[in-house]
Amino acid sequence: MSKREFIAQELERLPEQDLDRMLAFLRSLADAHAEAAVPAAAAESSLAKDWLTPEEDAAWVSL
């Protein structure tokens, strides 16, 4: 059984009054992942001008 299938099975057993709390928790996880991705994307685009040069490629060619 996959993790998704197991979670779906557990959700079926969860009392109706707890579903709002579960939904809030799932949304908080999704928000945390979205917030974590923003700084990484910003850093990558700002540093790309330094990384994507022939000099940088030459420095790493032996690794």
N, C-alpha and C. Protein backbone atom coordinates (compact mmCIF):
# COMPACT_ATOMS: atom_id res chain seq x y z
N MET A 1 0.85 -1.17 0.00
CA MET A 1 0.00 0.00 0.00
C MET A 1 0.90 1.24 0.00
N SER A 2 0.60 2.19 -0.89
CA SER A 2 1.40 3.40 -0.96
C SER A 2 1.05 4.33 0.21
N LYS A 3 1.91 5.29 0.44
CA LYS A 3 1.65 6.26 1.51
C LYS A 3 0.37 7.03 1.25
N ARG A 4 0.12 7.40 -0.01
CA ARG A 4 -1.11 8.13 -0.34
C ARG A 4 -2.34 7.28 -0.06
N GLU A 5 -2.26 6.00 -0.40
CA GLU A 5 -3.39 5.11 -0.14
C GLU A 5 -3.61 4.94 1.36
N PHE A 6 -2.53 4.83 2.11
CA PHE A 6 -2.63 4.69 3.56
C PHE A 6 -3.25 5.95 4.16
N ILE A 7 -2.81 7.12 3.71
CA ILE A 7 -3.37 8.38 4.22
C ILE A 7 -4.85 8.49 3.88
N ALA A 8 -5.22 8.11 2.65
CA ALA A 8 -6.63 8.15 2.26
C ALA A 8 -7.46 7.23 3.14
N GLN A 9 -6.91 6.06 3.46
CA GLN A 9 -7.60 5.12 4.33
C GLN A 9 -7.79 5.71 5.72
N GLU A 10 -6.74 6.35 6.24
CA GLU A 10 -6.84 6.96 7.56
C GLU A 10 -7.83 8.13 7.57
N LEU A 11 -7.87 8.88 6.48
CA LEU A 11 -8.83 9.99 6.40
C LEU A 11 -10.26 9.49 6.47
N GLU A 12 -10.52 8.32 5.90
CA GLU A 12 -11.86 7.74 5.97
C GLU A 12 -12.26 7.42 7.41
N ARG A 13 -11.28 7.11 8.22
CA ARG A 13 -11.55 6.77 9.62
C ARG A 13 -11.63 7.99 10.52
N LEU A 14 -11.15 9.13 10.05
CA LEU A 14 -11.10 10.34 10.87
C LEU A 14 -12.51 10.89 11.11
N PRO A 15 -12.82 11.25 12.35
CA PRO A 15 -14.14 11.84 12.62
C PRO A 15 -14.34 13.15 11.85
N GLU A 16 -15.55 13.40 11.44
CA GLU A 16 -15.89 14.58 10.64
C GLU A 16 -15.42 15.88 11.30
N GLN A 17 -15.54 15.97 12.62
CA GLN A 17 -15.16 17.20 13.30
C GLN A 17 -13.66 17.48 13.23
N ASP A 18 -12.85 16.49 12.92
CA ASP A 18 -11.40 16.70 12.82
C ASP A 18 -10.93 17.06 11.42
N LEU A 19 -11.81 17.00 10.44
CA LEU A 19 -11.41 17.26 9.06
C LEU A 19 -10.96 18.70 8.84
N ASP A 20 -11.58 19.66 9.52
CA ASP A 20 -11.15 21.06 9.40
C ASP A 20 -9.72 21.24 9.90
N ARG A 21 -9.40 20.60 11.02
CA ARG A 21 -8.03 20.67 11.54
C ARG A 21 -7.04 20.02 10.59
N MET A 22 -7.43 18.90 10.00
CA MET A 22 -6.56 18.20 9.06
C MET A 22 -6.32 19.06 7.82
N LEU A 23 -7.36 19.68 7.31
CA LEU A 23 -7.23 20.55 6.15
C LEU A 23 -6.32 21.74 6.46
N ALA A 24 -6.46 22.33 7.63
CA ALA A 24 -5.60 23.44 8.02
C ALA A 24 -4.15 23.00 8.11
N PHE A 25 -3.92 21.80 8.63
CA PHE A 25 -2.56 21.27 8.72
C PHE A 25 -1.96 21.05 7.34
N LEU A 26 -2.73 20.45 6.44
CA LEU A 26 -2.24 20.20 5.08
C LEU A 26 -1.92 21.51 4.37
N ARG A 27 -2.75 22.50 4.56
CA ARG A 27 -2.48 23.81 3.94
C ARG A 27 -1.24 24.45 4.53
N SER A 28 -1.01 24.28 5.83
CA SER A 28 0.20 24.86 6.44
C SER A 28 1.45 24.18 5.88
N LEU A 29 1.39 22.89 5.61
CA LEU A 29 2.52 22.20 4.99
C LEU A 29 2.78 22.74 3.59
N ALA A 30 1.73 22.90 2.81
CA ALA A 30 1.87 23.41 1.44
C ALA A 30 2.43 24.83 1.46
N ASP A 31 1.96 25.66 2.38
CA ASP A 31 2.46 27.03 2.48
C ASP A 31 3.93 27.05 2.86
N ALA A 32 4.33 26.18 3.77
CA ALA A 32 5.73 26.12 4.19
C ALA A 32 6.63 25.75 3.02
N HIS A 33 6.20 24.80 2.21
CA HIS A 33 7.00 24.41 1.04
C HIS A 33 7.07 25.54 0.02
N ALA A 34 5.98 26.25 -0.17
CA ALA A 34 5.96 27.35 -1.13
C ALA A 34 6.89 28.48 -0.66
N GLU A 35 6.86 28.79 0.63
CA GLU A 35 7.70 29.86 1.17
C GLU A 35 9.18 29.49 1.09
N ALA A 36 9.49 28.23 1.30
CA ALA A 36 10.89 27.78 1.25
C ALA A 36 11.44 27.85 -0.16
N ALA A 37 10.60 27.69 -1.15
CA ALA A 37 11.05 27.68 -2.54
C ALA A 37 11.36 29.09 -3.05
N VAL A 38 10.72 30.10 -2.53
CA VAL A 38 10.90 31.46 -3.03
C VAL A 38 12.33 31.97 -2.85
N PRO A 39 12.93 31.89 -1.67
CA PRO A 39 14.32 32.39 -1.54
C PRO A 39 15.31 31.63 -2.41
N ALA A 40 15.12 30.34 -2.56
CA ALA A 40 16.04 29.56 -3.39
C ALA A 40 15.96 30.01 -4.84
N ALA A 41 14.77 30.23 -5.35
CA ALA A 41 14.62 30.67 -6.73
C ALA A 41 15.20 32.06 -6.93
N ALA A 42 15.00 32.93 -5.96
CA ALA A 42 15.55 34.28 -6.06
C ALA A 42 17.07 34.27 -6.03
N ALA A 43 17.64 33.45 -5.16
CA ALA A 43 19.10 33.36 -5.07
C ALA A 43 19.69 32.78 -6.35
N GLU A 44 19.03 31.78 -6.89
CA GLU A 44 19.55 31.16 -8.11
C GLU A 44 19.58 32.15 -9.26
N SER A 45 18.53 32.91 -9.44
CA SER A 45 18.50 33.86 -10.55
C SER A 45 19.50 35.00 -10.35
N SER A 46 19.69 35.43 -9.11
CA SER A 46 20.63 36.53 -8.87
C SER A 46 22.09 36.08 -9.00
N LEU A 47 22.37 34.81 -8.68
CA LEU A 47 23.73 34.32 -8.76
C LEU A 47 24.07 33.73 -10.13
N ALA A 48 23.07 33.52 -10.96
CA ALA A 48 23.30 32.90 -12.27
C ALA A 48 24.29 33.70 -13.11
N LYS A 49 24.26 35.02 -12.96
CA LYS A 49 25.18 35.85 -13.75
C LYS A 49 26.64 35.56 -13.41
N ASP A 50 26.89 35.13 -12.16
CA ASP A 50 28.26 34.78 -11.76
C ASP A 50 28.59 33.32 -12.08
N TRP A 51 27.58 32.46 -12.02
CA TRP A 51 27.81 31.04 -12.22
C TRP A 51 27.94 30.67 -13.69
N LEU A 52 27.19 31.31 -14.53
CA LEU A 52 27.11 30.91 -15.93
C LEU A 52 28.10 31.69 -16.79
N THR A 53 29.38 31.49 -16.47
CA THR A 53 30.44 32.15 -17.22
C THR A 53 31.46 31.11 -17.67
N PRO A 54 32.18 31.38 -18.74
CA PRO A 54 33.23 30.45 -19.16
C PRO A 54 34.31 30.25 -18.09
N GLU A 55 34.62 31.30 -17.34
CA GLU A 55 35.61 31.19 -16.28
C GLU A 55 35.16 30.23 -15.18
N GLU A 56 33.90 30.32 -14.83
CA GLU A 56 33.35 29.43 -13.80
C GLU A 56 33.34 27.99 -14.31
N ASP A 57 32.95 27.78 -15.54
CA ASP A 57 32.97 26.43 -16.13
C ASP A 57 34.39 25.85 -16.13
N ALA A 58 35.37 26.67 -16.47
CA ALA A 58 36.76 26.21 -16.48
C ALA A 58 37.23 25.83 -15.08
N ALA A 59 36.79 26.58 -14.07
CA ALA A 59 37.22 26.30 -12.70
C ALA A 59 36.70 24.96 -12.20
N TRP A 60 35.56 24.50 -12.70
CA TRP A 60 34.94 23.28 -12.20
C TRP A 60 35.14 22.08 -13.15
N VAL A 61 35.81 22.26 -14.23
CA VAL A 61 35.92 21.21 -15.23
C VAL A 61 36.62 19.95 -14.70
N SER A 62 37.52 20.10 -13.75
CA SER A 62 38.28 18.94 -13.26
C SER A 62 37.53 18.15 -12.19
N LEU A 63 36.39 18.61 -11.74
CA LEU A 63 35.68 17.90 -10.66
C LEU A 63 34.74 16.86 -11.18
